[in-house]
């Protein structure tokens, strides 16, 4: 339990630092609003079209799928490092894991979630 107390104190100190810095920036920071500063800014150019644009849901779906299949490599790397120590059980466990992810990829592909058109 003592280890959790140390972690709690660390989070408490981090929260206090964040609160102090936010308060100092709010109180001491420069406040000189003008219309030019309030305009939207886009890579050094005035924005083209409406300021708020809707992003396609497909963008989010592809992003989530990328994260899921990117996390796969996070699990594959440590497995590859200790592959010789795991034996056949470790091998077949990872084959099962990759097969399930492969089935998920085929399912997503067949549903058309990766098509932009």
PDB file of N, CA and C in Angstrom:
ATOM      1  N   UNK A   1       0.815  -1.194   0.000  1.00  0.00           N
ATOM      2  CA  UNK A   1       0.000   0.000   0.000  1.00  0.00           C
ATOM      3  C   UNK A   1       0.858   1.257   0.000  1.00  0.00           C
ATOM      4  N   UNK A   2       2.066   1.176   0.532  1.00  0.00           N
ATOM      5  CA  UNK A   2       2.927   2.357   0.600  1.00  0.00           C
ATOM      6  C   UNK A   2       3.285   2.849  -0.802  1.00  0.00           C
ATOM      7  N   UNK A   3       3.427   1.929  -1.749  1.00  0.00           N
ATOM      8  CA  UNK A   3       3.749   2.327  -3.121  1.00  0.00           C
ATOM      9  C   UNK A   3       2.623   3.146  -3.742  1.00  0.00           C
ATOM     10  N   UNK A   4       1.389   2.780  -3.446  1.00  0.00           N
ATOM     11  CA  UNK A   4       0.259   3.535  -3.977  1.00  0.00           C
ATOM     12  C   UNK A   4       0.190   4.923  -3.367  1.00  0.00           C
ATOM     13  N   UNK A   5       0.568   5.058  -2.135  1.00  0.00           N
ATOM     14  CA  UNK A   5       0.607   6.372  -1.497  1.00  0.00           C
ATOM     15  C   UNK A   5       1.605   7.281  -2.186  1.00  0.00           C
ATOM     16  N   UNK A   6       2.745   6.732  -2.555  1.00  0.00           N
ATOM     17  CA  UNK A   6       3.759   7.511  -3.262  1.00  0.00           C
ATOM     18  C   UNK A   6       3.230   7.972  -4.620  1.00  0.00           C
ATOM     19  N   UNK A   7       2.547   7.089  -5.334  1.00  0.00           N
ATOM     20  CA  UNK A   7       1.975   7.446  -6.633  1.00  0.00           C
ATOM     21  C   UNK A   7       0.908   8.518  -6.462  1.00  0.00           C
ATOM     22  N   UNK A   8       0.077   8.392  -5.421  1.00  0.00           N
ATOM     23  CA  UNK A   8      -0.959   9.392  -5.155  1.00  0.00           C
ATOM     24  C   UNK A   8      -0.327  10.753  -4.874  1.00  0.00           C
ATOM     25  N   UNK A   9       0.732  10.776  -4.088  1.00  0.00           N
ATOM     26  CA  UNK A   9       1.418  12.039  -3.789  1.00  0.00           C
ATOM     27  C   UNK A   9       1.996  12.629  -5.076  1.00  0.00           C
ATOM     28  N   UNK A  10       2.549  11.790  -5.953  1.00  0.00           N
ATOM     29  CA  UNK A  10       3.095  12.259  -7.215  1.00  0.00           C
ATOM     30  C   UNK A  10       2.006  12.903  -8.078  1.00  0.00           C
ATOM     31  N   UNK A  11       0.844  12.254  -8.179  1.00  0.00           N
ATOM     32  CA  UNK A  11      -0.266  12.824  -8.936  1.00  0.00           C
ATOM     33  C   UNK A  11      -0.759  14.121  -8.308  1.00  0.00           C
ATOM     34  N   UNK A  12      -0.784  14.177  -6.996  1.00  0.00           N
ATOM     35  CA  UNK A  12      -1.215  15.384  -6.292  1.00  0.00           C
ATOM     36  C   UNK A  12      -0.254  16.539  -6.584  1.00  0.00           C
ATOM     37  N   UNK A  13       1.040  16.276  -6.552  1.00  0.00           N
ATOM     38  CA  UNK A  13       2.031  17.313  -6.854  1.00  0.00           C
ATOM     39  C   UNK A  13       1.896  17.768  -8.310  1.00  0.00           C
ATOM     40  N   UNK A  14       1.697  16.834  -9.231  1.00  0.00           N
ATOM     41  CA  UNK A  14       1.531  17.185 -10.645  1.00  0.00           C
ATOM     42  C   UNK A  14       0.291  18.041 -10.853  1.00  0.00           C
ATOM     43  N   UNK A  15      -0.797  17.699 -10.188  1.00  0.00           N
ATOM     44  CA  UNK A  15      -2.028  18.485 -10.304  1.00  0.00           C
ATOM     45  C   UNK A  15      -1.837  19.884  -9.720  1.00  0.00           C
ATOM     46  N   UNK A  16      -1.133  19.979  -8.609  1.00  0.00           N
ATOM     47  CA  UNK A  16      -0.888  21.290  -8.010  1.00  0.00           C
ATOM     48  C   UNK A  16      -0.019  22.155  -8.921  1.00  0.00           C
ATOM     49  N   UNK A  17       1.005  21.579  -9.521  1.00  0.00           N
ATOM     50  CA  UNK A  17       1.855  22.339 -10.437  1.00  0.00           C
ATOM     51  C   UNK A  17       1.045  22.822 -11.632  1.00  0.00           C
ATOM     52  N   UNK A  18       0.216  21.957 -12.194  1.00  0.00           N
ATOM     53  CA  UNK A  18      -0.617  22.341 -13.333  1.00  0.00           C
ATOM     54  C   UNK A  18      -1.578  23.462 -12.953  1.00  0.00           C
ATOM     55  N   UNK A  19      -2.195  23.365 -11.787  1.00  0.00           N
ATOM     56  CA  UNK A  19      -3.129  24.395 -11.336  1.00  0.00           C
ATOM     57  C   UNK A  19      -2.411  25.721 -11.089  1.00  0.00           C
ATOM     58  N   UNK A  20      -1.243  25.670 -10.485  1.00  0.00           N
ATOM     59  CA  UNK A  20      -0.474  26.898 -10.227  1.00  0.00           C
ATOM     60  C   UNK A  20      -0.064  27.556 -11.543  1.00  0.00           C
ATOM     61  N   UNK A  21       0.440  26.782 -12.489  1.00  0.00           N
ATOM     62  CA  UNK A  21       0.858  27.352 -13.772  1.00  0.00           C
ATOM     63  C   UNK A  21      -0.320  27.923 -14.547  1.00  0.00           C
ATOM     64  N   UNK A  22      -1.449  27.253 -14.526  1.00  0.00           N
ATOM     65  CA  UNK A  22      -2.642  27.757 -15.216  1.00  0.00           C
ATOM     66  C   UNK A  22      -3.113  29.059 -14.584  1.00  0.00           C
ATOM     67  N   UNK A  23      -3.114  29.111 -13.253  1.00  0.00           N
ATOM     68  CA  UNK A  23      -3.535  30.328 -12.550  1.00  0.00           C
ATOM     69  C   UNK A  23      -2.579  31.476 -12.858  1.00  0.00           C
ATOM     70  N   UNK A  24      -1.280  31.216 -12.809  1.00  0.00           N
ATOM     71  CA  UNK A  24      -0.316  32.271 -13.110  1.00  0.00           C
ATOM     72  C   UNK A  24      -0.462  32.776 -14.549  1.00  0.00           C
ATOM     73  N   UNK A  25      -0.677  31.879 -15.490  1.00  0.00           N
ATOM     74  CA  UNK A  25      -0.850  32.292 -16.881  1.00  0.00           C
ATOM     75  C   UNK A  25      -2.124  33.118 -17.053  1.00  0.00           C
ATOM     76  N   UNK A  26      -3.181  32.760 -16.326  1.00  0.00           N
ATOM     77  CA  UNK A  26      -4.440  33.501 -16.428  1.00  0.00           C
ATOM     78  C   UNK A  26      -4.331  34.883 -15.808  1.00  0.00           C
ATOM     79  N   UNK A  27      -3.645  34.978 -14.687  1.00  0.00           N
ATOM     80  CA  UNK A  27      -3.567  36.245 -13.959  1.00  0.00           C
ATOM     81  C   UNK A  27      -2.486  37.160 -14.538  1.00  0.00           C
ATOM     82  N   UNK A  28      -1.308  36.625 -14.808  1.00  0.00           N
ATOM     83  CA  UNK A  28      -0.178  37.440 -15.220  1.00  0.00           C
ATOM     84  C   UNK A  28       0.004  37.542 -16.732  1.00  0.00           C
ATOM     85  N   UNK A  29      -0.683  36.709 -17.478  1.00  0.00           N
ATOM     86  CA  UNK A  29      -0.496  36.683 -18.928  1.00  0.00           C
ATOM     87  C   UNK A  29      -0.993  37.939 -19.602  1.00  0.00           C
ATOM     88  N   UNK A  30      -0.449  38.264 -20.777  1.00  0.00           N
ATOM     89  CA  UNK A  30      -0.884  39.469 -21.490  1.00  0.00           C
ATOM     90  C   UNK A  30      -2.319  39.320 -21.975  1.00  0.00           C
ATOM     91  N   UNK A  31      -3.043  40.424 -21.855  1.00  0.00           N
ATOM     92  CA  UNK A  31      -4.438  40.434 -22.298  1.00  0.00           C
ATOM     93  C   UNK A  31      -4.621  41.639 -23.209  1.00  0.00           C
ATOM     94  N   UNK A  32      -4.397  41.457 -24.476  1.00  0.00           N
ATOM     95  CA  UNK A  32      -4.556  42.521 -25.455  1.00  0.00           C
ATOM     96  C   UNK A  32      -5.307  41.988 -26.663  1.00  0.00           C
ATOM     97  N   UNK A  33      -6.590  41.630 -26.483  1.00  0.00           N
ATOM     98  CA  UNK A  33      -7.324  41.081 -27.624  1.00  0.00           C
ATOM     99  C   UNK A  33      -7.577  42.161 -28.675  1.00  0.00           C
ATOM    100  N   UNK A  34      -7.503  41.746 -29.919  1.00  0.00           N
ATOM    101  CA  UNK A  34      -7.882  42.621 -31.021  1.00  0.00           C
ATOM    102  C   UNK A  34      -8.439  41.747 -32.136  1.00  0.00           C
ATOM    103  N   UNK A  35      -9.126  42.347 -33.079  1.00  0.00           N
ATOM    104  CA  UNK A  35      -9.774  41.530 -34.123  1.00  0.00           C
ATOM    105  C   UNK A  35      -8.796  40.671 -34.920  1.00  0.00           C
ATOM    106  N   UNK A  36      -7.584  41.168 -35.126  1.00  0.00           N
ATOM    107  CA  UNK A  36      -6.629  40.383 -35.901  1.00  0.00           C
ATOM    108  C   UNK A  36      -6.209  39.117 -35.152  1.00  0.00           C
ATOM    109  N   UNK A  37      -6.029  39.226 -33.842  1.00  0.00           N
ATOM    110  CA  UNK A  37      -5.651  38.058 -33.049  1.00  0.00           C
ATOM    111  C   UNK A  37      -6.806  37.069 -32.914  1.00  0.00           C
ATOM    112  N   UNK A  38      -8.010  37.544 -32.981  1.00  0.00           N
ATOM    113  CA  UNK A  38      -9.187  36.684 -32.793  1.00  0.00           C
ATOM    114  C   UNK A  38      -9.554  35.907 -34.059  1.00  0.00           C
ATOM    115  N   UNK A  39      -8.985  36.282 -35.212  1.00  0.00           N
ATOM    116  CA  UNK A  39      -9.304  35.583 -36.450  1.00  0.00           C
ATOM    117  C   UNK A  39      -8.690  34.191 -36.460  1.00  0.00           C
ATOM    118  N   UNK A  40      -9.333  33.220 -37.118  1.00  0.00           N
ATOM    119  CA  UNK A  40      -8.751  31.889 -37.239  1.00  0.00           C
ATOM    120  C   UNK A  40      -7.449  31.943 -38.032  1.00  0.00           C
ATOM    121  N   UNK A  41      -6.555  31.041 -37.722  1.00  0.00           N
ATOM    122  CA  UNK A  41      -5.231  31.027 -38.347  1.00  0.00           C
ATOM    123  C   UNK A  41      -4.951  29.612 -38.843  1.00  0.00           C
ATOM    124  N   UNK A  42      -4.496  29.505 -40.080  1.00  0.00           N
ATOM    125  CA  UNK A  42      -4.282  28.181 -40.662  1.00  0.00           C
ATOM    126  C   UNK A  42      -2.975  28.166 -41.433  1.00  0.00           C
ATOM    127  N   UNK A  43      -1.916  27.731 -40.803  1.00  0.00           N
ATOM    128  CA  UNK A  43      -0.612  27.559 -41.444  1.00  0.00           C
ATOM    129  C   UNK A  43      -0.100  28.832 -42.108  1.00  0.00           C
ATOM    130  N   UNK A  44      -0.311  29.977 -41.500  1.00  0.00           N
ATOM    131  CA  UNK A  44       0.196  31.228 -42.037  1.00  0.00           C
ATOM    132  C   UNK A  44      -0.677  31.851 -43.094  1.00  0.00           C
ATOM    133  N   UNK A  45      -1.782  31.228 -43.442  1.00  0.00           N
ATOM    134  CA  UNK A  45      -2.690  31.750 -44.458  1.00  0.00           C
ATOM    135  C   UNK A  45      -4.071  31.950 -43.865  1.00  0.00           C
ATOM    136  N   UNK A  46      -4.838  32.887 -44.409  1.00  0.00           N
ATOM    137  CA  UNK A  46      -6.234  32.970 -43.963  1.00  0.00           C
ATOM    138  C   UNK A  46      -6.957  31.691 -44.370  1.00  0.00           C
ATOM    139  N   UNK A  47      -7.861  31.206 -43.534  1.00  0.00           N
ATOM    140  CA  UNK A  47      -8.531  29.938 -43.857  1.00  0.00           C
ATOM    141  C   UNK A  47      -9.407  30.061 -45.089  1.00  0.00           C
ATOM    142  N   UNK A  48      -9.467  28.980 -45.837  1.00  0.00           N
ATOM    143  CA  UNK A  48     -10.327  28.915 -47.015  1.00  0.00           C
ATOM    144  C   UNK A  48     -11.598  28.173 -46.637  1.00  0.00           C
ATOM    145  N   UNK A  49     -12.727  28.749 -46.911  1.00  0.00           N
ATOM    146  CA  UNK A  49     -13.983  28.092 -46.598  1.00  0.00           C
ATOM    147  C   UNK A  49     -14.386  28.305 -45.154  1.00  0.00           C
ATOM    148  N   UNK A  50     -15.373  27.563 -44.702  1.00  0.00           N
ATOM    149  CA  UNK A  50     -15.849  27.743 -43.323  1.00  0.00           C
ATOM    150  C   UNK A  50     -14.783  27.336 -42.308  1.00  0.00           C
ATOM    151  N   UNK A  51     -14.836  27.976 -41.171  1.00  0.00           N
ATOM    152  CA  UNK A  51     -13.852  27.702 -40.129  1.00  0.00           C
ATOM    153  C   UNK A  51     -14.053  26.309 -39.552  1.00  0.00           C
ATOM    154  N   UNK A  52     -15.292  25.935 -39.323  1.00  0.00           N
ATOM    155  CA  UNK A  52     -15.598  24.623 -38.755  1.00  0.00           C
ATOM    156  C   UNK A  52     -16.034  23.709 -39.898  1.00  0.00           C
ATOM    157  N   UNK A  53     -15.209  22.702 -40.171  1.00  0.00           N
ATOM    158  CA  UNK A  53     -15.530  21.735 -41.211  1.00  0.00           C
ATOM    159  C   UNK A  53     -15.802  20.388 -40.573  1.00  0.00           C
ATOM    160  N   UNK A  54     -16.797  19.712 -41.069  1.00  0.00           N
ATOM    161  CA  UNK A  54     -17.099  18.381 -40.560  1.00  0.00           C
ATOM    162  C   UNK A  54     -16.114  17.380 -41.146  1.00  0.00           C
ATOM    163  N   UNK A  55     -15.616  16.522 -40.289  1.00  0.00           N
ATOM    164  CA  UNK A  55     -14.702  15.481 -40.730  1.00  0.00           C
ATOM    165  C   UNK A  55     -15.520  14.216 -40.943  1.00  0.00           C
ATOM    166  N   UNK A  56     -15.226  13.517 -42.012  1.00  0.00           N
ATOM    167  CA  UNK A  56     -15.957  12.294 -42.328  1.00  0.00           C
ATOM    168  C   UNK A  56     -15.762  11.247 -41.226  1.00  0.00           C
ATOM    169  N   UNK A  57     -16.806  10.504 -40.963  1.00  0.00           N
ATOM    170  CA  UNK A  57     -16.740   9.448 -39.962  1.00  0.00           C
ATOM    171  C   UNK A  57     -15.739   8.381 -40.385  1.00  0.00           C
ATOM    172  N   UNK A  58     -15.575   8.198 -41.674  1.00  0.00           N
ATOM    173  CA  UNK A  58     -14.622   7.194 -42.160  1.00  0.00           C
ATOM    174  C   UNK A  58     -13.200   7.512 -41.719  1.00  0.00           C
ATOM    175  N   UNK A  59     -12.891   8.795 -41.596  1.00  0.00           N
ATOM    176  CA  UNK A  59     -11.566   9.173 -41.110  1.00  0.00           C
ATOM    177  C   UNK A  59     -11.345   8.608 -39.711  1.00  0.00           C
ATOM    178  N   UNK A  60     -12.327   8.754 -38.846  1.00  0.00           N
ATOM    179  CA  UNK A  60     -12.208   8.248 -37.479  1.00  0.00           C
ATOM    180  C   UNK A  60     -12.156   6.725 -37.454  1.00  0.00           C
ATOM    181  N   UNK A  61     -12.929   6.078 -38.312  1.00  0.00           N
ATOM    182  CA  UNK A  61     -12.923   4.615 -38.356  1.00  0.00           C
ATOM    183  C   UNK A  61     -11.540   4.107 -38.776  1.00  0.00           C
ATOM    184  N   UNK A  62     -10.975   4.717 -39.807  1.00  0.00           N
ATOM    185  CA  UNK A  62      -9.648   4.296 -40.260  1.00  0.00           C
ATOM    186  C   UNK A  62      -8.609   4.579 -39.176  1.00  0.00           C
ATOM    187  N   UNK A  63      -8.744   5.705 -38.485  1.00  0.00           N
ATOM    188  CA  UNK A  63      -7.806   6.028 -37.404  1.00  0.00           C
ATOM    189  C   UNK A  63      -7.895   4.997 -36.279  1.00  0.00           C
ATOM    190  N   UNK A  64      -9.106   4.611 -35.901  1.00  0.00           N
ATOM    191  CA  UNK A  64      -9.269   3.594 -34.854  1.00  0.00           C
ATOM    192  C   UNK A  64      -8.716   2.247 -35.293  1.00  0.00           C
ATOM    193  N   UNK A  65      -8.957   1.895 -36.535  1.00  0.00           N
ATOM    194  CA  UNK A  65      -8.421   0.627 -37.045  1.00  0.00           C
ATOM    195  C   UNK A  65      -6.901   0.652 -37.075  1.00  0.00           C
ATOM    196  N   UNK A  66      -6.334   1.792 -37.441  1.00  0.00           N
ATOM    197  CA  UNK A  66      -4.882   1.906 -37.420  1.00  0.00           C
ATOM    198  C   UNK A  66      -4.343   1.692 -36.012  1.00  0.00           C
ATOM    199  N   UNK A  67      -5.002   2.290 -35.036  1.00  0.00           N
ATOM    200  CA  UNK A  67      -4.547   2.124 -33.657  1.00  0.00           C
ATOM    201  C   UNK A  67      -4.626   0.661 -33.237  1.00  0.00           C
ATOM    202  N   UNK A  68      -5.725  -0.006 -33.563  1.00  0.00           N
ATOM    203  CA  UNK A  68      -5.887  -1.414 -33.181  1.00  0.00           C
ATOM    204  C   UNK A  68      -4.783  -2.262 -33.795  1.00  0.00           C
ATOM    205  N   UNK A  69      -4.521  -2.083 -35.083  1.00  0.00           N
ATOM    206  CA  UNK A  69      -3.518  -2.927 -35.731  1.00  0.00           C
ATOM    207  C   UNK A  69      -2.099  -2.452 -35.436  1.00  0.00           C
ATOM    208  N   UNK A  70      -1.945  -1.222 -35.000  1.00  0.00           N
ATOM    209  CA  UNK A  70      -0.640  -0.756 -34.566  1.00  0.00           C
ATOM    210  C   UNK A  70      -0.294  -1.337 -33.200  1.00  0.00           C
ATOM    211  N   UNK A  71      -1.284  -1.479 -32.348  1.00  0.00           N
ATOM    212  CA  UNK A  71      -1.067  -2.081 -31.031  1.00  0.00           C
ATOM    213  C   UNK A  71      -0.636  -3.540 -31.189  1.00  0.00           C
ATOM    214  N   UNK A  72      -1.042  -4.170 -32.279  1.00  0.00           N
ATOM    215  CA  UNK A  72      -0.624  -5.549 -32.536  1.00  0.00           C
ATOM    216  C   UNK A  72       0.900  -5.647 -32.538  1.00  0.00           C
ATOM    217  N   UNK A  73       1.554  -4.695 -33.144  1.00  0.00           N
ATOM    218  CA  UNK A  73       3.012  -4.743 -33.189  1.00  0.00           C
ATOM    219  C   UNK A  73       3.627  -4.549 -31.808  1.00  0.00           C
ATOM    220  N   UNK A  74       2.924  -3.840 -30.943  1.00  0.00           N
ATOM    221  CA  UNK A  74       3.424  -3.677 -29.572  1.00  0.00           C
ATOM    222  C   UNK A  74       3.470  -5.036 -28.879  1.00  0.00           C
ATOM    223  N   UNK A  75       2.539  -5.916 -29.186  1.00  0.00           N
ATOM    224  CA  UNK A  75       2.540  -7.252 -28.593  1.00  0.00           C
ATOM    225  C   UNK A  75       3.473  -8.211 -29.338  1.00  0.00           C
ATOM    226  N   UNK A  76       3.679  -7.982 -30.616  1.00  0.00           N
ATOM    227  CA  UNK A  76       4.540  -8.875 -31.386  1.00  0.00           C
ATOM    228  C   UNK A  76       6.020  -8.699 -31.059  1.00  0.00           C
ATOM    229  N   UNK A  77       6.446  -7.487 -30.772  1.00  0.00           N
ATOM    230  CA  UNK A  77       7.872  -7.252 -30.529  1.00  0.00           C
ATOM    231  C   UNK A  77       8.396  -7.994 -29.299  1.00  0.00           C
ATOM    232  N   UNK A  78       7.754  -7.865 -28.114  1.00  0.00           N
ATOM    233  CA  UNK A  78       8.278  -8.614 -26.964  1.00  0.00           C
ATOM    234  C   UNK A  78       8.211 -10.124 -27.175  1.00  0.00           C
ATOM    235  N   UNK A  79       7.183 -10.571 -27.878  1.00  0.00           N
ATOM    236  CA  UNK A  79       7.070 -12.001 -28.165  1.00  0.00           C
ATOM    237  C   UNK A  79       8.250 -12.451 -29.019  1.00  0.00           C
ATOM    238  N   UNK A  80       8.624 -11.648 -30.009  1.00  0.00           N
ATOM    239  CA  UNK A  80       9.738 -12.016 -30.876  1.00  0.00           C
ATOM    240  C   UNK A  80      11.064 -12.015 -30.122  1.00  0.00           C
ATOM    241  N   UNK A  81      11.181 -11.147 -29.124  1.00  0.00           N
ATOM    242  CA  UNK A  81      12.428 -11.075 -28.366  1.00  0.00           C
ATOM    243  C   UNK A  81      12.643 -12.344 -27.540  1.00  0.00           C
ATOM    244  N   UNK A  82      11.584 -12.877 -26.936  1.00  0.00           N
ATOM    245  CA  UNK A  82      11.721 -14.066 -26.083  1.00  0.00           C
ATOM    246  C   UNK A  82      11.133 -15.311 -26.746  1.00  0.00           C
ATOM    247  N   UNK A  83      11.102 -15.322 -28.072  1.00  0.00           N
ATOM    248  CA  UNK A  83      10.485 -16.419 -28.805  1.00  0.00           C
ATOM    249  C   UNK A  83      11.096 -17.768 -28.445  1.00  0.00           C
ATOM    250  N   UNK A  84      12.406 -17.849 -28.347  1.00  0.00           N
ATOM    251  CA  UNK A  84      13.055 -19.139 -28.098  1.00  0.00           C
ATOM    252  C   UNK A  84      12.740 -19.683 -26.704  1.00  0.00           C
ATOM    253  N   UNK A  85      12.436 -18.809 -25.756  1.00  0.00           N
ATOM    254  CA  UNK A  85      12.120 -19.258 -24.393  1.00  0.00           C
ATOM    255  C   UNK A  85      10.689 -19.757 -24.252  1.00  0.00           C
ATOM    256  N   UNK A  86       9.810 -19.343 -25.138  1.00  0.00           N
ATOM    257  CA  UNK A  86       8.390 -19.680 -24.997  1.00  0.00           C
ATOM    258  C   UNK A  86       8.052 -21.080 -25.480  1.00  0.00           C
ATOM    259  N   UNK A  87       8.782 -21.587 -26.416  1.00  0.00           N
ATOM    260  CA  UNK A  87       8.504 -22.923 -26.930  1.00  0.00           C
ATOM    261  C   UNK A  87       7.303 -22.918 -27.863  1.00  0.00           C
ATOM    262  N   UNK A  88       6.783 -24.119 -28.090  1.00  0.00           N
ATOM    263  CA  UNK A  88       5.674 -24.274 -29.032  1.00  0.00           C
ATOM    264  C   UNK A  88       4.373 -23.667 -28.517  1.00  0.00           C
ATOM    265  N   UNK A  89       4.166 -23.682 -27.218  1.00  0.00           N
ATOM    266  CA  UNK A  89       2.936 -23.081 -26.671  1.00  0.00           C
ATOM    267  C   UNK A  89       2.902 -21.581 -26.974  1.00  0.00           C
ATOM    268  N   UNK A  90       4.017 -20.910 -26.786  1.00  0.00           N
ATOM    269  CA  UNK A  90       4.094 -19.483 -27.097  1.00  0.00           C
ATOM    270  C   UNK A  90       3.902 -19.212 -28.573  1.00  0.00           C
ATOM    271  N   UNK A  91       4.454 -20.096 -29.405  1.00  0.00           N
ATOM    272  CA  UNK A  91       4.297 -19.937 -30.845  1.00  0.00           C
ATOM    273  C   UNK A  91       2.832 -20.037 -31.259  1.00  0.00           C
ATOM    274  N   UNK A  92       2.156 -21.090 -30.786  1.00  0.00           N
ATOM    275  CA  UNK A  92       0.759 -21.286 -31.189  1.00  0.00           C
ATOM    276  C   UNK A  92      -0.167 -20.243 -30.570  1.00  0.00           C
ATOM    277  N   UNK A  93       0.195 -19.746 -29.411  1.00  0.00           N
ATOM    278  CA  UNK A  93      -0.589 -18.665 -28.823  1.00  0.00           C
ATOM    279  C   UNK A  93      -0.511 -17.419 -29.708  1.00  0.00           C
ATOM    280  N   UNK A  94       0.682 -17.103 -30.177  1.00  0.00           N
ATOM    281  CA  UNK A  94       0.835 -15.923 -31.031  1.00  0.00           C
ATOM    282  C   UNK A  94       0.207 -16.145 -32.399  1.00  0.00           C
ATOM    283  N   UNK A  95       0.270 -17.365 -32.918  1.00  0.00           N
ATOM    284  CA  UNK A  95      -0.397 -17.654 -34.189  1.00  0.00           C
ATOM    285  C   UNK A  95      -1.896 -17.434 -34.035  1.00  0.00           C
ATOM    286  N   UNK A  96      -2.460 -17.853 -32.926  1.00  0.00           N
ATOM    287  CA  UNK A  96      -3.884 -17.637 -32.665  1.00  0.00           C
ATOM    288  C   UNK A  96      -4.196 -16.145 -32.587  1.00  0.00           C
ATOM    289  N   UNK A  97      -3.350 -15.395 -31.888  1.00  0.00           N
ATOM    290  CA  UNK A  97      -3.536 -13.957 -31.752  1.00  0.00           C
ATOM    291  C   UNK A  97      -3.520 -13.264 -33.116  1.00  0.00           C
ATOM    292  N   UNK A  98      -2.537 -13.588 -33.943  1.00  0.00           N
ATOM    293  CA  UNK A  98      -2.429 -12.972 -35.268  1.00  0.00           C
ATOM    294  C   UNK A  98      -3.590 -13.422 -36.154  1.00  0.00           C
ATOM    295  N   UNK A  99      -4.033 -14.659 -36.020  1.00  0.00           N
ATOM    296  CA  UNK A  99      -5.163 -15.147 -36.820  1.00  0.00           C
ATOM    297  C   UNK A  99      -6.442 -14.394 -36.461  1.00  0.00           C
ATOM    298  N   UNK A 100      -6.674 -14.146 -35.178  1.00  0.00           N
ATOM    299  CA  UNK A 100      -7.860 -13.391 -34.764  1.00  0.00           C
ATOM    300  C   UNK A 100      -7.795 -11.971 -35.311  1.00  0.00           C
ATOM    301  N   UNK A 101      -6.629 -11.344 -35.233  1.00  0.00           N
ATOM    302  CA  UNK A 101      -6.490 -10.001 -35.797  1.00  0.00           C
ATOM    303  C   UNK A 101      -6.658 -10.020 -37.312  1.00  0.00           C
ATOM    304  N   UNK A 102      -6.160 -11.060 -37.967  1.00  0.00           N
ATOM    305  CA  UNK A 102      -6.333 -11.182 -39.406  1.00  0.00           C
ATOM    306  C   UNK A 102      -7.797 -11.333 -39.785  1.00  0.00           C
ATOM    307  N   UNK A 103      -8.539 -12.125 -39.018  1.00  0.00           N
ATOM    308  CA  UNK A 103      -9.978 -12.256 -39.267  1.00  0.00           C
ATOM    309  C   UNK A 103     -10.687 -10.918 -39.081  1.00  0.00           C
ATOM    310  N   UNK A 104     -10.256 -10.167 -38.066  1.00  0.00           N
ATOM    311  CA  UNK A 104     -10.837  -8.839 -37.857  1.00  0.00           C
ATOM    312  C   UNK A 104     -10.561  -7.921 -39.035  1.00  0.00           C
ATOM    313  N   UNK A 105      -9.347  -7.980 -39.570  1.00  0.00           N
ATOM    314  CA  UNK A 105      -9.002  -7.159 -40.726  1.00  0.00           C
ATOM    315  C   UNK A 105      -9.815  -7.561 -41.953  1.00  0.00           C
ATOM    316  N   UNK A 106      -9.990  -8.856 -42.172  1.00  0.00           N
ATOM    317  CA  UNK A 106     -10.800  -9.320 -43.302  1.00  0.00           C
ATOM    318  C   UNK A 106     -12.246  -8.861 -43.132  1.00  0.00           C
ATOM    319  N   UNK A 107     -12.775  -8.941 -41.927  1.00  0.00           N
ATOM    320  CA  UNK A 107     -14.149  -8.498 -41.658  1.00  0.00           C
ATOM    321  C   UNK A 107     -14.309  -7.011 -41.972  1.00  0.00           C
ATOM    322  N   UNK A 108     -13.368  -6.207 -41.488  1.00  0.00           N
ATOM    323  CA  UNK A 108     -13.437  -4.764 -41.723  1.00  0.00           C
ATOM    324  C   UNK A 108     -13.310  -4.467 -43.214  1.00  0.00           C
ATOM    325  N   UNK A 109     -12.438  -5.197 -43.892  1.00  0.00           N
ATOM    326  CA  UNK A 109     -12.247  -5.005 -45.321  1.00  0.00           C
ATOM    327  C   UNK A 109     -13.516  -5.343 -46.092  1.00  0.00           C
ATOM    328  N   UNK A 110     -14.147  -6.468 -45.748  1.00  0.00           N
ATOM    329  CA  UNK A 110     -15.366  -6.893 -46.436  1.00  0.00           C
ATOM    330  C   UNK A 110     -16.516  -5.912 -46.173  1.00  0.00           C
ATOM    331  N   UNK A 111     -16.562  -5.288 -44.988  1.00  0.00           N
ATOM    332  CA  UNK A 111     -17.608  -4.326 -44.675  1.00  0.00           C
ATOM    333  C   UNK A 111     -17.397  -3.009 -45.407  1.00  0.00           C
ATOM    334  N   UNK A 112     -16.201  -2.798 -45.962  1.00  0.00           N
ATOM    335  CA  UNK A 112     -15.927  -1.583 -46.718  1.00  0.00           C
ATOM    336  C   UNK A 112     -15.470  -0.418 -45.870  1.00  0.00           C
ATOM    337  N   UNK A 113     -15.018  -0.682 -44.672  1.00  0.00           N
ATOM    338  CA  UNK A 113     -14.596   0.413 -43.790  1.00  0.00           C
ATOM    339  C   UNK A 113     -13.297   1.049 -44.257  1.00  0.00           C
ATOM    340  N   UNK A 114     -12.538   0.381 -45.098  1.00  0.00           N
ATOM    341  CA  UNK A 114     -11.264   0.923 -45.576  1.00  0.00           C
ATOM    342  C   UNK A 114     -11.400   1.629 -46.930  1.00  0.00           C
ATOM    343  N   UNK A 115     -12.607   1.659 -47.500  1.00  0.00           N
ATOM    344  CA  UNK A 115     -12.833   2.334 -48.785  1.00  0.00           C
ATOM    345  C   UNK A 115     -13.186   3.789 -48.546  1.00  0.00           C
ATOM    346  N   UNK A 116     -12.520   4.679 -49.257  1.00  0.00           N
ATOM    347  CA  UNK A 116     -12.773   6.112 -49.085  1.00  0.00           C
ATOM    348  C   UNK A 116     -13.847   6.619 -50.038  1.00  0.00           C
ATOM    349  N   UNK A 117     -14.151   5.880 -51.070  1.00  0.00           N
ATOM    350  CA  UNK A 117     -15.110   6.380 -52.074  1.00  0.00           C
ATOM    351  C   UNK A 117     -16.530   6.351 -51.589  1.00  0.00           C
TER     352      UNK A 117
END
